[in-house]
Amino acid sequence: MKRLPNWHELLAAHFEKSRKARFEWGKFDCAMSVCDGIQAVAGVDPGAPFRGQYSSEAEAMTLIGSDLGKFAAGIAQQHGFPEWASKQAESQPLPKFGRRGDVALIQARDPGLALGTIDHSGRFAWCASERGFIRVPMRFWLRAWKIA
């Protein structure tokens, strides 16, 4: 799979639209926002089977399970998005590598883990949250997957 020729512009448009969006489970939450970003970059929507299938955090947990990282890794593998490798010890939870448009698993306060799309600078990930569309610094990234 390759990135779309105009993925830079499509990703910028996704970020702009997301800044104005309201959080809504199953439609615009961290997972669905990341899927929107993947669609902007690569033209595929890995979230299609899940959109509108849940409308609360409890329903999301029932659908995807309690381990967001494991769920994200499974979806990434299914779609051929390899994880950025890191040989760091688990006792040193430093961020993985990632580039613009890739997906990051983020250590968040609540609910604990979240997904974000890496911005054009490559130093922050944008994440849909109940507090709005927030920018998360790289130091909070736990894992990252290459998108196309």
Protein backbone atom coordinates (compact mmCIF):
# COMPACT_ATOMS: atom_id res chain seq x y z
CA MET A 1 0.00 0.00 0.00
CA LYS A 2 1.25 3.49 -0.82
CA ARG A 3 0.44 6.92 0.48
CA LEU A 4 -1.85 8.98 -1.72
CA PRO A 5 -0.04 11.52 -3.92
CA ASN A 6 -1.66 14.47 -2.09
CA TRP A 7 -1.62 12.94 1.39
CA HIS A 8 0.03 16.04 2.93
CA GLU A 9 -2.91 18.22 1.97
CA LEU A 10 -5.49 15.57 2.91
CA LEU A 11 -3.87 15.09 6.33
CA ALA A 12 -3.83 18.85 6.94
CA ALA A 13 -7.53 18.99 6.01
CA HIS A 14 -8.24 16.09 8.40
CA PHE A 15 -6.50 17.94 11.25
CA GLU A 16 -8.38 21.16 10.47
CA LYS A 17 -11.76 19.41 10.36
CA SER A 18 -10.96 17.49 13.56
CA ARG A 19 -10.14 20.65 15.50
CA LYS A 20 -13.79 21.67 15.04
CA ALA A 21 -15.32 18.24 15.74
CA ARG A 22 -17.05 17.19 18.93
CA PHE A 23 -16.02 13.99 20.65
CA GLU A 24 -18.52 11.19 20.11
CA TRP A 25 -17.91 7.52 20.85
CA GLY A 26 -18.01 5.42 17.69
CA LYS A 27 -17.91 8.44 15.39
CA PHE A 28 -15.17 10.80 16.54
CA ASP A 29 -13.10 9.28 19.33
CA CYS A 30 -9.36 8.58 19.36
CA ALA A 31 -9.68 5.39 17.31
CA MET A 32 -12.07 6.77 14.70
CA SER A 33 -10.03 9.96 14.37
CA VAL A 34 -6.91 7.90 13.71
CA CYS A 35 -8.82 5.89 11.10
CA ASP A 36 -9.84 9.18 9.46
CA GLY A 37 -6.15 10.12 9.39
CA ILE A 38 -5.21 6.78 7.84
CA GLN A 39 -7.89 7.30 5.21
CA ALA A 40 -6.43 10.74 4.43
CA VAL A 41 -2.91 9.35 4.10
CA ALA A 42 -3.51 5.98 2.43
CA GLY A 43 -7.10 5.98 1.20
CA VAL A 44 -8.24 3.04 3.34
CA ASP A 45 -10.49 3.12 6.40
CA PRO A 46 -9.57 0.41 8.90
CA GLY A 47 -12.34 1.70 11.15
CA ALA A 48 -15.19 1.01 8.72
CA PRO A 49 -16.32 -2.20 10.51
CA PHE A 50 -16.46 -0.35 13.85
CA ARG A 51 -17.99 3.01 12.92
CA GLY A 52 -21.32 3.54 14.61
CA GLN A 53 -21.10 0.16 16.35
CA TYR A 54 -20.65 1.68 19.80
CA SER A 55 -21.78 4.84 21.53
CA SER A 56 -20.08 4.73 24.93
CA GLU A 57 -16.74 3.85 26.47
CA ALA A 58 -18.24 0.65 27.90
CA GLU A 59 -19.52 -0.42 24.48
CA ALA A 60 -16.12 0.40 22.93
CA MET A 61 -14.39 -1.79 25.53
CA THR A 62 -16.82 -4.62 24.77
CA LEU A 63 -16.14 -4.31 21.03
CA ILE A 64 -12.36 -3.86 21.04
CA GLY A 65 -11.37 -5.31 24.39
CA SER A 66 -9.58 -3.76 27.34
CA ASP A 67 -6.13 -3.49 25.71
CA LEU A 68 -6.12 -0.69 23.13
CA GLY A 69 -2.48 -1.36 22.24
CA LYS A 70 -3.17 -5.00 21.45
CA PHE A 71 -6.24 -4.04 19.42
CA ALA A 72 -4.32 -1.38 17.46
CA ALA A 73 -1.46 -3.81 16.78
CA GLY A 74 -3.93 -6.37 15.44
CA ILE A 75 -5.60 -3.86 13.13
CA ALA A 76 -2.18 -2.62 11.97
CA GLN A 77 -1.05 -6.16 11.20
CA GLN A 78 -4.30 -6.91 9.37
CA HIS A 79 -3.77 -3.86 7.12
CA GLY A 80 -0.04 -4.27 6.63
CA PHE A 81 1.06 -1.32 8.78
CA PRO A 82 4.33 -2.42 10.43
CA GLU A 83 5.31 -1.24 13.86
CA TRP A 84 8.31 1.03 14.13
CA ALA A 85 10.98 -1.12 15.78
CA SER A 86 12.74 -0.20 18.97
CA LYS A 87 15.22 -2.25 20.95
CA GLN A 88 14.76 -0.27 24.15
CA ALA A 89 14.29 -2.10 27.41
CA GLU A 90 10.78 -2.16 28.81
CA SER A 91 12.12 -0.46 31.94
CA GLN A 92 12.81 2.58 29.73
CA PRO A 93 9.44 3.42 28.10
CA LEU A 94 10.82 5.90 25.58
CA PRO A 95 8.82 6.77 22.48
CA LYS A 96 9.03 4.73 19.32
CA PHE A 97 9.92 6.35 16.06
CA GLY A 98 7.21 7.65 13.81
CA ARG A 99 6.73 10.01 10.92
CA ARG A 100 4.07 12.36 9.68
CA GLY A 101 0.74 10.62 9.21
CA ASP A 102 1.71 7.52 11.18
CA VAL A 103 -0.21 6.26 14.21
CA ALA A 104 1.01 6.51 17.80
CA LEU A 105 -0.21 4.71 20.91
CA ILE A 106 -0.20 7.34 23.63
CA GLN A 107 0.04 7.13 27.39
CA ALA A 108 -2.85 9.34 28.48
CA ARG A 109 -4.29 10.25 31.85
CA ASP A 110 -7.77 9.00 31.19
CA PRO A 111 -8.62 6.36 30.01
CA GLY A 112 -4.94 5.42 30.20
CA LEU A 113 -4.16 4.73 26.55
CA ALA A 114 -5.22 6.56 23.43
CA LEU A 115 -4.40 6.64 19.72
CA GLY A 116 -3.18 9.66 17.80
CA THR A 117 -2.04 10.65 14.34
CA ILE A 118 1.47 12.11 14.06
CA ASP A 119 1.41 15.70 12.82
CA HIS A 120 3.41 17.37 10.05
CA SER A 121 6.27 18.26 12.42
CA GLY A 122 6.72 14.61 13.42
CA ARG A 123 7.03 15.65 17.08
CA PHE A 124 3.38 15.61 18.17
CA ALA A 125 0.37 13.37 17.71
CA TRP A 126 -3.16 14.71 17.48
CA CYS A 127 -5.71 12.79 19.51
CA ALA A 128 -9.49 13.10 19.81
CA SER A 129 -10.48 13.30 23.45
CA GLU A 130 -13.44 14.38 25.52
CA ARG A 131 -11.45 17.59 26.13
CA GLY A 132 -11.22 18.23 22.38
CA PHE A 133 -8.67 17.51 19.66
CA ILE A 134 -5.44 17.64 21.63
CA ARG A 135 -1.77 17.69 20.64
CA VAL A 136 0.37 15.15 22.52
CA PRO A 137 4.18 15.43 22.65
CA MET A 138 6.36 12.53 21.54
CA ARG A 139 7.47 11.77 25.12
CA PHE A 140 4.02 10.23 25.72
CA TRP A 141 4.16 7.87 22.73
CA LEU A 142 4.53 4.20 23.61
CA ARG A 143 4.39 2.60 20.17
CA ALA A 144 3.96 3.72 16.57
CA TRP A 145 2.93 2.12 13.27
CA LYS A 146 3.98 3.06 9.75
CA ILE A 147 1.05 3.99 7.55
CA ALA A 148 1.82 3.10 3.94
